[in-house]
Amino acid sequence: MKDPRSYIERFCARHPNFGIPRLMMYIAIGNAAFWLLGVVNSRVWPYLVFDPYLVLHGQVWRLISFALIPPSTGMLALIAIYFYYWIGSTLEQYWGTPQFTIYFFTGLILTVLYGFLIYFITGIRIQLTAEYVYLSMFFSFAALFPDMQVLLFFIIPVKMKWLAILDAAFFVYGVLTMPFPVNLLPVVAVLNFFIFCGGDLLRMLPRRPSAKAVNFRRESERIRREQRDQLYRHKCAVCGRTDVSNPELEFRYCSRCAGYHCFCEEHINNHIHFTE
């Protein structure tokens, strides 16, 4: 089965101008503006989150505003905004603008669709932010750059893969403890991570060799052992070919070499003479 990302990469190659350049810069500016708005008047937050019922009753701005709510609260929000801006900008440089734009908006669209689905099926009104979309972006960064170090609290150097494992543990805990079907929302929101990085993760997993797999080291040792055990009369001191492995070759002995050294027809006149 073909990697789903290959179709996205093909689309991006055909449409290099697709997407929003420096998308995370605009997202970070929106995050900062909404954070400042919340500091001035905290009662504004309920008017920004995604609510399927209210969207269907005319408050369509929630389809956009929920994506600009900061990924944290208080002063930590400023650190989180910068952190995700750095991650998103790095991913855009690595993937390219078209692919990163598709990645980010895929997470938002999946979140919105699942929110509507739960509302239509169960009547539950879920108020959502883009928290899990940012988390999926972090997972992708950690999968691509697992050994990159960041300073936790600007002091402790930690590799991205360890932070990702810790976040993944809290992620799984949330999925197991939240009531159904709300608990599936985080999984749906990070599906874009599996679409874009799932193939890389599978290739990183250790695989048990199949019966048809060839152990090249073992085979090369076997061939050398068989060649060594073969009976031959002449063996080239340069390339190691013998009159058994290459019966079409002619072998000669060099009179200018010290000792008794044999060479094939290709190296009889093209070798460094033995002095001892």
Protein backbone atom coordinates (compact mmCIF):
# COMPACT_ATOMS: atom_id res chain seq x y z
CA MET A 1 0.00 0.00 0.00
CA LYS A 2 1.32 3.40 -0.96
CA ASP A 3 2.19 5.94 1.71
CA PRO A 4 -0.64 8.56 1.79
CA ARG A 5 1.99 11.27 2.07
CA SER A 6 3.24 10.41 -1.42
CA TYR A 7 0.00 11.75 -2.93
CA ILE A 8 0.36 14.96 -0.92
CA GLU A 9 3.98 15.34 -2.01
CA ARG A 10 2.96 14.80 -5.63
CA PHE A 11 0.27 17.50 -5.33
CA CYS A 12 2.74 19.91 -3.71
CA ALA A 13 5.30 19.26 -6.45
CA ARG A 14 2.71 20.13 -9.08
CA HIS A 15 1.48 23.21 -7.19
CA PRO A 16 4.60 24.83 -5.66
CA ASN A 17 2.77 28.14 -5.06
CA PHE A 18 -0.03 26.55 -3.06
CA GLY A 19 -0.33 27.46 0.61
CA ILE A 20 0.32 30.40 2.91
CA PRO A 21 3.99 31.39 3.27
CA ARG A 22 5.09 32.01 6.88
CA LEU A 23 1.78 30.61 8.09
CA MET A 24 3.00 30.16 11.67
CA MET A 25 3.97 33.83 11.86
CA TYR A 26 0.35 34.80 11.24
CA ILE A 27 -0.86 32.12 13.66
CA ALA A 28 1.53 33.40 16.34
CA ILE A 29 0.38 36.99 15.81
CA GLY A 30 -3.24 35.83 16.17
CA ASN A 31 -2.33 33.86 19.31
CA ALA A 32 -0.66 36.91 20.85
CA ALA A 33 -3.59 39.19 19.96
CA PHE A 34 -6.14 36.80 21.44
CA TRP A 35 -3.97 36.33 24.54
CA LEU A 36 -3.85 40.10 25.03
CA LEU A 37 -7.60 40.28 24.45
CA GLY A 38 -8.11 37.64 27.14
CA VAL A 39 -5.88 39.54 29.57
CA VAL A 40 -7.95 42.69 29.07
CA ASN A 41 -11.29 40.87 29.31
CA SER A 42 -11.33 37.17 30.25
CA ARG A 43 -15.06 36.92 29.45
CA VAL A 44 -14.21 37.05 25.74
CA TRP A 45 -12.88 33.47 25.63
CA PRO A 46 -16.30 31.72 25.44
CA TYR A 47 -17.01 33.71 22.27
CA LEU A 48 -13.93 32.36 20.49
CA VAL A 49 -13.97 28.58 21.05
CA PHE A 50 -15.52 26.20 18.53
CA ASP A 51 -19.11 25.24 19.41
CA PRO A 52 -21.03 23.35 16.68
CA TYR A 53 -24.42 24.50 17.98
CA LEU A 54 -23.48 28.18 17.95
CA VAL A 55 -21.74 27.90 14.57
CA LEU A 56 -24.95 26.50 13.09
CA HIS A 57 -26.82 29.44 14.63
CA GLY A 58 -24.77 32.11 12.89
CA GLN A 59 -21.55 32.47 14.90
CA VAL A 60 -19.41 31.28 12.00
CA TRP A 61 -16.31 33.20 13.15
CA ARG A 62 -15.75 30.37 15.63
CA LEU A 63 -14.57 28.20 12.71
CA ILE A 64 -11.49 30.44 12.54
CA SER A 65 -11.15 32.00 15.98
CA PHE A 66 -10.78 28.64 17.77
CA ALA A 67 -7.54 28.04 15.83
CA LEU A 68 -6.03 31.29 17.15
CA ILE A 69 -6.66 30.69 20.84
CA PRO A 70 -3.22 30.43 22.56
CA PRO A 71 -2.05 26.89 23.34
CA SER A 72 -1.61 27.80 27.02
CA THR A 73 -2.74 30.40 29.57
CA GLY A 74 -1.10 33.11 31.66
CA MET A 75 2.54 34.03 31.08
CA LEU A 76 3.27 30.49 29.89
CA ALA A 77 1.18 31.30 26.84
CA LEU A 78 3.90 33.60 25.50
CA ILE A 79 6.49 30.81 25.82
CA ALA A 80 4.11 28.34 24.15
CA ILE A 81 3.38 30.77 21.31
CA TYR A 82 7.09 31.22 20.57
CA PHE A 83 7.75 27.48 20.93
CA TYR A 84 5.07 26.49 18.42
CA TYR A 85 6.05 29.33 16.10
CA TRP A 86 9.60 27.91 16.03
CA ILE A 87 8.33 24.37 15.47
CA GLY A 88 5.93 25.39 12.70
CA SER A 89 8.50 27.55 10.92
CA THR A 90 11.02 24.70 11.01
CA LEU A 91 8.48 22.25 9.62
CA GLU A 92 7.61 24.69 6.82
CA GLN A 93 11.30 24.99 5.91
CA TYR A 94 11.68 21.21 5.98
CA TRP A 95 8.49 20.25 4.11
CA GLY A 96 7.88 23.39 2.09
CA THR A 97 5.00 25.85 2.30
CA PRO A 98 2.39 23.75 0.41
CA GLN A 99 2.89 20.64 2.51
CA PHE A 100 2.95 22.45 5.85
CA THR A 101 -0.19 24.41 4.96
CA ILE A 102 -2.00 21.17 4.14
CA TYR A 103 -0.73 19.63 7.37
CA PHE A 104 -1.94 22.43 9.63
CA PHE A 105 -5.35 22.89 8.04
CA THR A 106 -5.92 19.14 7.86
CA GLY A 107 -5.70 19.05 11.67
CA LEU A 108 -8.16 21.94 11.97
CA ILE A 109 -10.62 20.43 9.49
CA LEU A 110 -10.54 17.02 11.18
CA THR A 111 -11.20 18.68 14.55
CA VAL A 112 -14.17 20.64 13.20
CA LEU A 113 -15.66 17.66 11.37
CA TYR A 114 -15.48 15.43 14.42
CA GLY A 115 -16.99 18.17 16.59
CA PHE A 116 -19.96 18.40 14.21
CA LEU A 117 -20.20 14.59 14.00
CA ILE A 118 -20.46 14.20 17.77
CA TYR A 119 -23.07 16.98 17.91
CA PHE A 120 -25.24 15.49 15.15
CA ILE A 121 -25.08 11.94 16.55
CA THR A 122 -25.20 12.52 20.31
CA GLY A 123 -26.27 16.15 20.72
CA ILE A 124 -23.16 16.85 22.83
CA ARG A 125 -21.80 20.37 22.33
CA ILE A 126 -18.00 20.20 22.55
CA GLN A 127 -16.20 23.49 22.98
CA LEU A 128 -12.87 23.11 21.24
CA THR A 129 -9.57 24.88 20.73
CA ALA A 130 -6.67 23.87 18.47
CA GLU A 131 -4.76 22.35 21.40
CA TYR A 132 -4.44 18.90 19.82
CA VAL A 133 -3.53 20.35 16.43
CA TYR A 134 -0.54 22.05 18.03
CA LEU A 135 0.29 18.80 19.83
CA SER A 136 0.29 16.88 16.55
CA MET A 137 2.66 19.50 15.12
CA PHE A 138 4.97 18.90 18.09
CA PHE A 139 4.83 15.11 17.54
CA SER A 140 5.79 15.56 13.89
CA PHE A 141 8.72 17.77 14.80
CA ALA A 142 9.93 15.23 17.36
CA ALA A 143 9.62 12.40 14.82
CA LEU A 144 11.70 14.31 12.26
CA PHE A 145 14.27 15.73 14.71
CA PRO A 146 14.28 13.31 17.69
CA ASP A 147 17.79 14.18 18.90
CA MET A 148 17.43 17.95 18.76
CA GLN A 149 17.84 19.49 22.21
CA VAL A 150 15.70 22.24 23.71
CA LEU A 151 16.12 24.02 27.04
CA LEU A 152 13.24 23.06 29.30
CA PHE A 153 12.36 26.14 31.38
CA PHE A 154 15.35 27.74 29.58
CA ILE A 155 17.66 25.71 31.84
CA ILE A 156 17.46 21.93 31.41
CA PRO A 157 18.61 20.50 28.04
CA VAL A 158 16.20 17.79 26.89
CA LYS A 159 15.98 15.92 23.61
CA MET A 160 12.76 16.31 21.66
CA LYS A 161 12.05 12.58 21.64
CA TRP A 162 11.85 12.46 25.45
CA LEU A 163 9.46 15.40 25.55
CA ALA A 164 7.37 13.71 22.87
CA ILE A 165 7.23 10.46 24.84
CA LEU A 166 6.12 12.36 27.95
CA ASP A 167 3.42 14.24 26.01
CA ALA A 168 2.32 10.99 24.38
CA ALA A 169 1.84 9.44 27.84
CA PHE A 170 -0.44 12.31 28.91
CA PHE A 171 -2.19 12.07 25.55
CA VAL A 172 -2.96 8.36 26.04
CA TYR A 173 -4.04 9.01 29.63
CA GLY A 174 -6.53 11.62 28.40
CA VAL A 175 -7.90 9.27 25.77
CA LEU A 176 -8.41 6.53 28.38
CA THR A 177 -10.00 8.73 31.03
CA MET A 178 -12.32 10.97 28.99
CA PRO A 179 -15.84 9.72 28.27
CA PHE A 180 -16.72 8.23 24.89
CA PRO A 181 -17.00 9.62 22.18
CA VAL A 182 -15.25 12.80 23.36
CA ASN A 183 -12.12 10.77 24.10
CA LEU A 184 -11.65 10.07 20.40
CA LEU A 185 -11.32 13.76 19.56
CA PRO A 186 -7.57 13.91 20.36
CA VAL A 187 -6.99 10.85 18.15
CA VAL A 188 -8.89 12.42 15.26
CA ALA A 189 -7.11 15.75 15.71
CA VAL A 190 -3.65 14.15 15.38
CA LEU A 191 -4.52 11.94 12.41
CA ASN A 192 -2.53 14.35 10.24
CA PHE A 193 0.55 13.33 12.24
CA PHE A 194 0.03 9.68 11.28
CA ILE A 195 -0.65 10.64 7.66
CA PHE A 196 2.54 12.67 7.35
CA CYS A 197 4.89 10.80 9.69
CA GLY A 198 3.35 7.35 10.13
CA GLY A 199 5.42 5.85 7.32
CA ASP A 200 8.63 7.20 8.87
CA LEU A 201 7.71 5.74 12.25
CA LEU A 202 6.99 2.31 10.76
CA ARG A 203 10.32 2.30 8.96
CA MET A 204 12.07 3.11 12.24
CA LEU A 205 10.61 0.04 13.98
CA PRO A 206 12.87 -3.03 14.11
CA ARG A 207 11.72 -5.76 11.76
CA ARG A 208 12.17 -9.47 12.03
CA PRO A 209 13.97 -10.70 8.90
CA SER A 210 11.82 -12.91 6.69
CA ALA A 211 12.85 -16.28 5.36
CA LYS A 212 13.65 -14.68 2.01
CA ALA A 213 15.75 -11.91 3.50
CA VAL A 214 19.47 -12.07 2.75
CA ASN A 215 22.03 -11.50 5.48
CA PHE A 216 24.70 -9.84 3.35
CA ARG A 217 27.42 -10.06 5.98
CA ARG A 218 26.84 -13.77 6.46
CA GLU A 219 26.70 -14.38 2.71
CA SER A 220 29.91 -12.45 2.05
CA GLU A 221 31.71 -14.43 4.75
CA ARG A 222 30.39 -17.67 3.26
CA ILE A 223 31.61 -16.71 -0.23
CA ARG A 224 35.06 -15.78 1.08
CA ARG A 225 35.23 -19.04 3.00
CA GLU A 226 34.26 -21.06 -0.06
CA GLN A 227 36.81 -19.27 -2.20
CA ARG A 228 39.48 -19.87 0.42
CA ASP A 229 38.67 -23.59 0.60
CA GLN A 230 38.72 -24.03 -3.16
CA LEU A 231 41.81 -25.74 -4.61
CA TYR A 232 43.66 -23.54 -7.06
CA ARG A 233 47.11 -23.37 -8.60
CA HIS A 234 47.38 -19.63 -9.26
CA LYS A 235 46.05 -16.63 -7.33
CA CYS A 236 46.57 -12.96 -8.18
CA ALA A 237 48.32 -11.14 -5.34
CA VAL A 238 46.42 -7.91 -6.20
CA CYS A 239 42.77 -8.80 -6.88
CA GLY A 240 42.64 -12.29 -5.37
CA ARG A 241 41.18 -13.99 -8.45
CA THR A 242 42.28 -17.56 -9.07
CA ASP A 243 42.45 -19.97 -11.96
CA VAL A 244 39.41 -21.71 -10.37
CA SER A 245 37.19 -18.63 -9.95
CA ASN A 246 38.31 -17.14 -13.29
CA PRO A 247 39.57 -19.89 -15.60
CA GLU A 248 39.58 -17.51 -18.58
CA LEU A 249 42.47 -15.48 -17.12
CA GLU A 250 46.16 -16.14 -17.62
CA PHE A 251 48.52 -15.92 -14.63
CA ARG A 252 52.20 -14.98 -14.57
CA TYR A 253 54.96 -14.62 -11.98
CA CYS A 254 56.88 -11.38 -11.64
CA SER A 255 60.65 -11.71 -11.74
CA ARG A 256 61.19 -8.25 -10.26
CA CYS A 257 59.28 -8.99 -7.05
CA ALA A 258 61.10 -10.38 -4.04
CA GLY A 259 59.70 -13.81 -3.39
CA TYR A 260 57.28 -15.94 -5.31
CA HIS A 261 54.25 -13.81 -6.28
CA CYS A 262 51.65 -14.53 -8.94
CA PHE A 263 49.58 -11.98 -10.85
CA CYS A 264 46.71 -12.15 -13.34
CA GLU A 265 47.13 -10.78 -16.84
CA GLU A 266 45.58 -7.46 -15.80
CA HIS A 267 48.02 -6.84 -12.93
CA ILE A 268 51.24 -8.47 -14.11
CA ASN A 269 52.40 -5.12 -15.46
CA ASN A 270 50.33 -2.98 -13.10
CA HIS A 271 51.31 -3.60 -9.50
CA ILE A 272 53.69 -2.46 -6.78
CA HIS A 273 56.64 -4.78 -6.59
CA PHE A 274 57.17 -6.76 -3.42
CA THR A 275 60.49 -5.92 -1.77
CA GLU A 276 60.42 -8.52 0.99
